[in-house]
Amino acid sequence: MPLTPTQRKSLKARAHALHPVVMIGGNGLTPPVLKEIDRALAAHELIKIQVSGEDRETRGLMLEEICSALGAEAVQTIGRMLVLYREAPPESADRPTRPARPRGPRPTKRSFQGSR
């Protein structure tokens, strides 16, 4: 589902403070790099990718390939930075959840070393 202009504007604002989590080097877009981008999107939803040493046209093709392979949306391209977004899937009911930690003060350890 394509992003609306309002969503894109909000994502650009959120991405401004982010640092690149994946860097695409001289070997280009290899399967391990694509897998790492997939992991980063699963963990963060919104990521920056730095592409080194490629021309504008090649970066555009890489962006299209990444988006089509991983189901992500291109938010913005700033020079050699690509900003991608993929909404995280909803939590499934069959996935185990951790029990909630009880609220209130934690029990303290008592030390009897100094008392007589």
N, C-alpha and C. Protein backbone atom coordinates (compact mmCIF):
# COMPACT_ATOMS: atom_id res chain seq x y z
N MET A 1 0.85 -1.18 0.00
CA MET A 1 0.00 0.00 0.00
C MET A 1 0.89 1.24 0.00
N PRO A 2 0.74 2.11 -0.97
CA PRO A 2 1.61 3.30 -1.03
C PRO A 2 1.35 4.26 0.13
N LEU A 3 2.39 4.99 0.47
CA LEU A 3 2.30 5.96 1.56
C LEU A 3 1.59 7.22 1.10
N THR A 4 0.80 7.80 1.98
CA THR A 4 0.17 9.07 1.68
C THR A 4 1.19 10.18 1.90
N PRO A 5 0.99 11.35 1.31
CA PRO A 5 1.93 12.45 1.54
C PRO A 5 2.09 12.82 3.02
N THR A 6 1.04 12.72 3.79
CA THR A 6 1.12 13.02 5.22
C THR A 6 1.99 11.99 5.95
N GLN A 7 1.80 10.71 5.61
CA GLN A 7 2.62 9.66 6.22
C GLN A 7 4.08 9.82 5.83
N ARG A 8 4.31 10.12 4.55
CA ARG A 8 5.68 10.30 4.06
C ARG A 8 6.36 11.46 4.80
N LYS A 9 5.64 12.56 5.01
CA LYS A 9 6.19 13.72 5.71
C LYS A 9 6.55 13.36 7.15
N SER A 10 5.68 12.61 7.81
CA SER A 10 5.94 12.19 9.19
C SER A 10 7.15 11.26 9.26
N LEU A 11 7.25 10.33 8.31
CA LEU A 11 8.38 9.40 8.30
C LEU A 11 9.70 10.12 8.00
N LYS A 12 9.67 11.13 7.13
CA LYS A 12 10.87 11.91 6.86
C LYS A 12 11.35 12.61 8.12
N ALA A 13 10.40 13.14 8.88
CA ALA A 13 10.77 13.81 10.13
C ALA A 13 11.38 12.83 11.12
N ARG A 14 10.80 11.62 11.23
CA ARG A 14 11.35 10.61 12.14
C ARG A 14 12.72 10.13 11.68
N ALA A 15 12.93 10.05 10.37
CA ALA A 15 14.18 9.51 9.82
C ALA A 15 15.33 10.51 9.93
N HIS A 16 15.01 11.76 10.14
CA HIS A 16 16.05 12.79 10.17
C HIS A 16 17.14 12.48 11.20
N ALA A 17 16.77 12.00 12.36
CA ALA A 17 17.73 11.74 13.44
C ALA A 17 18.39 10.37 13.36
N LEU A 18 17.97 9.54 12.43
CA LEU A 18 18.50 8.18 12.34
C LEU A 18 19.88 8.15 11.68
N HIS A 19 20.65 7.16 12.05
CA HIS A 19 21.93 6.88 11.40
C HIS A 19 21.74 5.67 10.51
N PRO A 20 22.55 5.51 9.46
CA PRO A 20 22.40 4.34 8.59
C PRO A 20 22.69 3.04 9.35
N VAL A 21 21.84 2.06 9.16
CA VAL A 21 22.03 0.77 9.83
C VAL A 21 22.61 -0.27 8.89
N VAL A 22 22.51 -0.03 7.59
CA VAL A 22 23.07 -0.94 6.59
C VAL A 22 23.86 -0.10 5.59
N MET A 23 25.01 -0.61 5.19
CA MET A 23 25.82 0.07 4.17
C MET A 23 26.05 -0.88 3.02
N ILE A 24 25.76 -0.41 1.81
CA ILE A 24 25.96 -1.21 0.61
C ILE A 24 27.29 -0.77 0.01
N GLY A 25 28.24 -1.69 -0.06
CA GLY A 25 29.59 -1.37 -0.52
C GLY A 25 29.81 -1.64 -2.00
N GLY A 26 31.05 -1.91 -2.33
CA GLY A 26 31.47 -2.10 -3.71
C GLY A 26 30.89 -3.31 -4.39
N ASN A 27 30.50 -4.34 -3.63
CA ASN A 27 29.92 -5.55 -4.23
C ASN A 27 28.46 -5.36 -4.63
N GLY A 28 27.88 -4.26 -4.23
CA GLY A 28 26.49 -3.99 -4.61
C GLY A 28 25.50 -4.69 -3.71
N LEU A 29 24.32 -4.91 -4.25
CA LEU A 29 23.23 -5.50 -3.50
C LEU A 29 23.28 -7.02 -3.61
N THR A 30 23.93 -7.65 -2.65
CA THR A 30 24.08 -9.10 -2.63
C THR A 30 22.98 -9.70 -1.75
N PRO A 31 22.73 -11.01 -1.87
CA PRO A 31 21.71 -11.65 -1.02
C PRO A 31 21.96 -11.45 0.48
N PRO A 32 23.20 -11.53 0.99
CA PRO A 32 23.38 -11.27 2.43
C PRO A 32 23.03 -9.83 2.83
N VAL A 33 23.32 -8.87 1.95
CA VAL A 33 22.97 -7.49 2.25
C VAL A 33 21.45 -7.33 2.26
N LEU A 34 20.77 -7.97 1.33
CA LEU A 34 19.31 -7.92 1.28
C LEU A 34 18.71 -8.55 2.53
N LYS A 35 19.32 -9.63 3.00
CA LYS A 35 18.84 -10.30 4.21
C LYS A 35 19.03 -9.39 5.43
N GLU A 36 20.14 -8.67 5.48
CA GLU A 36 20.41 -7.75 6.58
C GLU A 36 19.43 -6.58 6.57
N ILE A 37 19.09 -6.10 5.39
CA ILE A 37 18.10 -5.03 5.28
C ILE A 37 16.75 -5.53 5.77
N ASP A 38 16.41 -6.77 5.43
CA ASP A 38 15.15 -7.37 5.90
C ASP A 38 15.12 -7.44 7.42
N ARG A 39 16.23 -7.87 8.03
CA ARG A 39 16.31 -7.93 9.50
C ARG A 39 16.15 -6.55 10.13
N ALA A 40 16.82 -5.56 9.53
CA ALA A 40 16.74 -4.21 10.07
C ALA A 40 15.33 -3.65 9.97
N LEU A 41 14.65 -3.92 8.87
CA LEU A 41 13.27 -3.46 8.73
C LEU A 41 12.34 -4.16 9.72
N ALA A 42 12.59 -5.43 9.96
CA ALA A 42 11.77 -6.16 10.93
C ALA A 42 11.96 -5.61 12.34
N ALA A 43 13.17 -5.16 12.63
CA ALA A 43 13.46 -4.67 13.98
C ALA A 43 13.05 -3.21 14.18
N HIS A 44 13.19 -2.39 13.12
CA HIS A 44 13.03 -0.94 13.31
C HIS A 44 11.90 -0.30 12.51
N GLU A 45 11.37 -0.93 11.50
CA GLU A 45 10.35 -0.39 10.59
C GLU A 45 10.89 0.71 9.67
N LEU A 46 11.62 1.67 10.20
CA LEU A 46 12.13 2.80 9.43
C LEU A 46 13.65 2.79 9.53
N ILE A 47 14.33 2.69 8.38
CA ILE A 47 15.79 2.60 8.40
C ILE A 47 16.40 3.49 7.32
N LYS A 48 17.68 3.80 7.52
CA LYS A 48 18.48 4.48 6.52
C LYS A 48 19.53 3.50 6.01
N ILE A 49 19.77 3.54 4.71
CA ILE A 49 20.78 2.71 4.08
C ILE A 49 21.74 3.63 3.36
N GLN A 50 23.03 3.41 3.54
CA GLN A 50 24.04 4.21 2.84
C GLN A 50 24.61 3.39 1.69
N VAL A 51 24.60 3.99 0.50
CA VAL A 51 25.15 3.35 -0.69
C VAL A 51 26.41 4.09 -1.07
N SER A 52 27.53 3.36 -1.14
CA SER A 52 28.78 4.04 -1.46
C SER A 52 29.19 3.77 -2.89
N GLY A 53 29.65 4.82 -3.56
CA GLY A 53 30.28 4.69 -4.86
C GLY A 53 29.39 4.35 -6.04
N GLU A 54 28.13 4.59 -5.99
CA GLU A 54 27.24 4.30 -7.11
C GLU A 54 26.65 5.59 -7.66
N ASP A 55 26.30 5.59 -8.95
CA ASP A 55 25.68 6.77 -9.53
C ASP A 55 24.19 6.79 -9.21
N ARG A 56 23.55 7.89 -9.52
CA ARG A 56 22.15 8.10 -9.15
C ARG A 56 21.23 7.05 -9.76
N GLU A 57 21.46 6.70 -11.00
CA GLU A 57 20.61 5.73 -11.67
C GLU A 57 20.72 4.35 -11.02
N THR A 58 21.94 3.94 -10.70
CA THR A 58 22.15 2.64 -10.05
C THR A 58 21.51 2.62 -8.67
N ARG A 59 21.62 3.71 -7.93
CA ARG A 59 20.98 3.78 -6.61
C ARG A 59 19.46 3.65 -6.74
N GLY A 60 18.90 4.28 -7.76
CA GLY A 60 17.46 4.18 -7.99
C GLY A 60 17.03 2.75 -8.30
N LEU A 61 17.83 2.05 -9.09
CA LEU A 61 17.52 0.65 -9.40
C LEU A 61 17.64 -0.22 -8.16
N MET A 62 18.66 0.05 -7.33
CA MET A 62 18.82 -0.70 -6.07
C MET A 62 17.60 -0.48 -5.18
N LEU A 63 17.17 0.77 -5.09
CA LEU A 63 16.02 1.10 -4.24
C LEU A 63 14.78 0.36 -4.72
N GLU A 64 14.54 0.34 -6.02
CA GLU A 64 13.39 -0.39 -6.56
C GLU A 64 13.49 -1.88 -6.28
N GLU A 65 14.68 -2.44 -6.43
CA GLU A 65 14.88 -3.87 -6.19
C GLU A 65 14.64 -4.22 -4.72
N ILE A 66 15.16 -3.39 -3.82
CA ILE A 66 14.97 -3.63 -2.39
C ILE A 66 13.49 -3.57 -2.04
N CYS A 67 12.82 -2.54 -2.51
CA CYS A 67 11.39 -2.36 -2.19
C CYS A 67 10.54 -3.52 -2.72
N SER A 68 10.81 -3.95 -3.94
CA SER A 68 10.02 -5.04 -4.50
C SER A 68 10.33 -6.38 -3.83
N ALA A 69 11.58 -6.62 -3.48
CA ALA A 69 11.96 -7.90 -2.87
C ALA A 69 11.48 -8.02 -1.43
N LEU A 70 11.44 -6.90 -0.69
CA LEU A 70 11.13 -6.96 0.74
C LEU A 70 9.76 -6.39 1.10
N GLY A 71 9.04 -5.86 0.14
CA GLY A 71 7.73 -5.29 0.44
C GLY A 71 7.82 -4.01 1.23
N ALA A 72 8.85 -3.23 0.99
CA ALA A 72 9.05 -1.97 1.71
C ALA A 72 8.64 -0.80 0.83
N GLU A 73 8.51 0.35 1.44
CA GLU A 73 8.18 1.59 0.74
C GLU A 73 9.37 2.54 0.80
N ALA A 74 9.69 3.16 -0.31
CA ALA A 74 10.74 4.18 -0.33
C ALA A 74 10.16 5.47 0.21
N VAL A 75 10.80 6.00 1.25
CA VAL A 75 10.34 7.25 1.85
C VAL A 75 11.06 8.42 1.20
N GLN A 76 12.37 8.30 1.06
CA GLN A 76 13.16 9.43 0.61
C GLN A 76 14.53 8.95 0.15
N THR A 77 15.12 9.70 -0.78
CA THR A 77 16.50 9.49 -1.18
C THR A 77 17.23 10.81 -0.99
N ILE A 78 18.27 10.80 -0.18
CA ILE A 78 19.05 12.00 0.08
C ILE A 78 20.49 11.68 -0.30
N GLY A 79 20.92 12.13 -1.46
CA GLY A 79 22.27 11.84 -1.90
C GLY A 79 22.49 10.35 -1.97
N ARG A 80 23.38 9.84 -1.13
CA ARG A 80 23.68 8.40 -1.10
C ARG A 80 22.93 7.67 -0.01
N MET A 81 21.98 8.33 0.64
CA MET A 81 21.17 7.71 1.68
C MET A 81 19.81 7.34 1.13
N LEU A 82 19.38 6.13 1.44
CA LEU A 82 18.05 5.67 1.09
C LEU A 82 17.28 5.49 2.39
N VAL A 83 16.07 5.98 2.45
CA VAL A 83 15.23 5.83 3.63
C VAL A 83 14.08 4.91 3.25
N LEU A 84 13.93 3.81 4.00
CA LEU A 84 12.91 2.80 3.72
C LEU A 84 12.00 2.60 4.92
N TYR A 85 10.76 2.22 4.63
CA TYR A 85 9.78 1.94 5.68
C TYR A 85 9.02 0.68 5.33
N ARG A 86 8.83 -0.17 6.31
CA ARG A 86 7.95 -1.33 6.17
C ARG A 86 7.25 -1.53 7.50
N GLU A 87 5.95 -1.50 7.46
CA GLU A 87 5.16 -1.64 8.67
C GLU A 87 5.38 -3.02 9.29
N ALA A 88 5.55 -3.05 10.59
CA ALA A 88 5.76 -4.32 11.29
C ALA A 88 4.45 -5.10 11.30
N PRO A 89 4.53 -6.41 11.14
CA PRO A 89 3.30 -7.21 11.19
C PRO A 89 2.73 -7.19 12.60
N PRO A 90 1.41 -7.32 12.71
CA PRO A 90 0.80 -7.33 14.05
C PRO A 90 1.25 -8.56 14.83
N GLU A 91 1.27 -8.44 16.13
CA GLU A 91 1.65 -9.56 16.99
C GLU A 91 0.66 -10.70 16.81
N SER A 92 1.15 -11.90 16.59
CA SER A 92 0.26 -13.04 16.40
C SER A 92 -0.16 -13.62 17.75
N ALA A 93 -1.34 -14.22 17.76
CA ALA A 93 -1.88 -14.77 19.00
C ALA A 93 -1.15 -16.03 19.44
N ASP A 94 -0.57 -16.78 18.50
CA ASP A 94 0.09 -18.03 18.85
C ASP A 94 1.53 -17.81 19.32
N ARG A 95 2.01 -16.59 19.25
CA ARG A 95 3.36 -16.29 19.70
C ARG A 95 3.37 -16.14 21.23
N PRO A 96 4.27 -16.83 21.91
CA PRO A 96 4.27 -16.72 23.38
C PRO A 96 4.69 -15.33 23.82
N THR A 97 4.05 -14.87 24.86
CA THR A 97 4.38 -13.56 25.41
C THR A 97 4.97 -13.74 26.80
N ARG A 98 5.80 -12.80 27.19
CA ARG A 98 6.38 -12.85 28.52
C ARG A 98 5.36 -12.38 29.55
N PRO A 99 5.35 -12.98 30.71
CA PRO A 99 4.42 -12.51 31.73
C PRO A 99 4.81 -11.10 32.19
N ALA A 100 3.82 -10.33 32.57
CA ALA A 100 4.07 -8.97 33.02
C ALA A 100 4.79 -9.00 34.36
N ARG A 101 5.72 -8.07 34.51
CA ARG A 101 6.46 -7.98 35.76
C ARG A 101 5.54 -7.35 36.81
N PRO A 102 5.49 -7.91 38.00
CA PRO A 102 4.62 -7.33 39.03
C PRO A 102 5.08 -5.92 39.38
N ARG A 103 4.13 -5.04 39.57
CA ARG A 103 4.41 -3.66 39.91
C ARG A 103 4.65 -3.52 41.40
N GLY A 104 5.25 -2.45 41.77
CA GLY A 104 5.51 -2.19 43.18
C GLY A 104 6.99 -2.27 43.48
N PRO A 105 7.35 -2.03 44.73
CA PRO A 105 8.77 -2.05 45.08
C PRO A 105 9.34 -3.46 44.99
N ARG A 106 10.59 -3.51 44.62
CA ARG A 106 11.27 -4.80 44.56
C ARG A 106 11.69 -5.21 45.97
N PRO A 107 11.70 -6.50 46.24
CA PRO A 107 12.17 -6.93 47.55
C PRO A 107 13.66 -6.63 47.70
N THR A 108 14.03 -6.18 48.86
CA THR A 108 15.43 -5.85 49.10
C THR A 108 16.11 -7.00 49.84
N LYS A 109 17.41 -7.10 49.62
CA LYS A 109 18.18 -8.11 50.32
C LYS A 109 18.58 -7.54 51.67
N ARG A 110 18.49 -8.34 52.68
CA ARG A 110 18.86 -7.91 54.01
C ARG A 110 20.25 -8.44 54.34
N SER A 111 21.04 -7.60 54.87
CA SER A 111 22.38 -8.00 55.26
C SER A 111 22.50 -7.94 56.77
N PHE A 112 22.99 -9.02 57.36
CA PHE A 112 23.13 -9.09 58.80
C PHE A 112 24.60 -9.08 59.21
N GLN A 113 25.44 -8.64 58.32
CA GLN A 113 26.88 -8.67 58.61
C GLN A 113 27.26 -7.65 59.68
N GLY A 114 26.67 -6.47 59.66
CA GLY A 114 27.08 -5.42 60.58
C GLY A 114 26.30 -5.43 61.90
N SER A 115 25.27 -6.20 62.03
CA SER A 115 24.47 -6.18 63.27
C SER A 115 24.97 -7.25 64.24
N ARG A 116 24.72 -7.00 65.53
CA ARG A 116 25.12 -7.96 66.56
C ARG A 116 23.95 -8.44 67.33
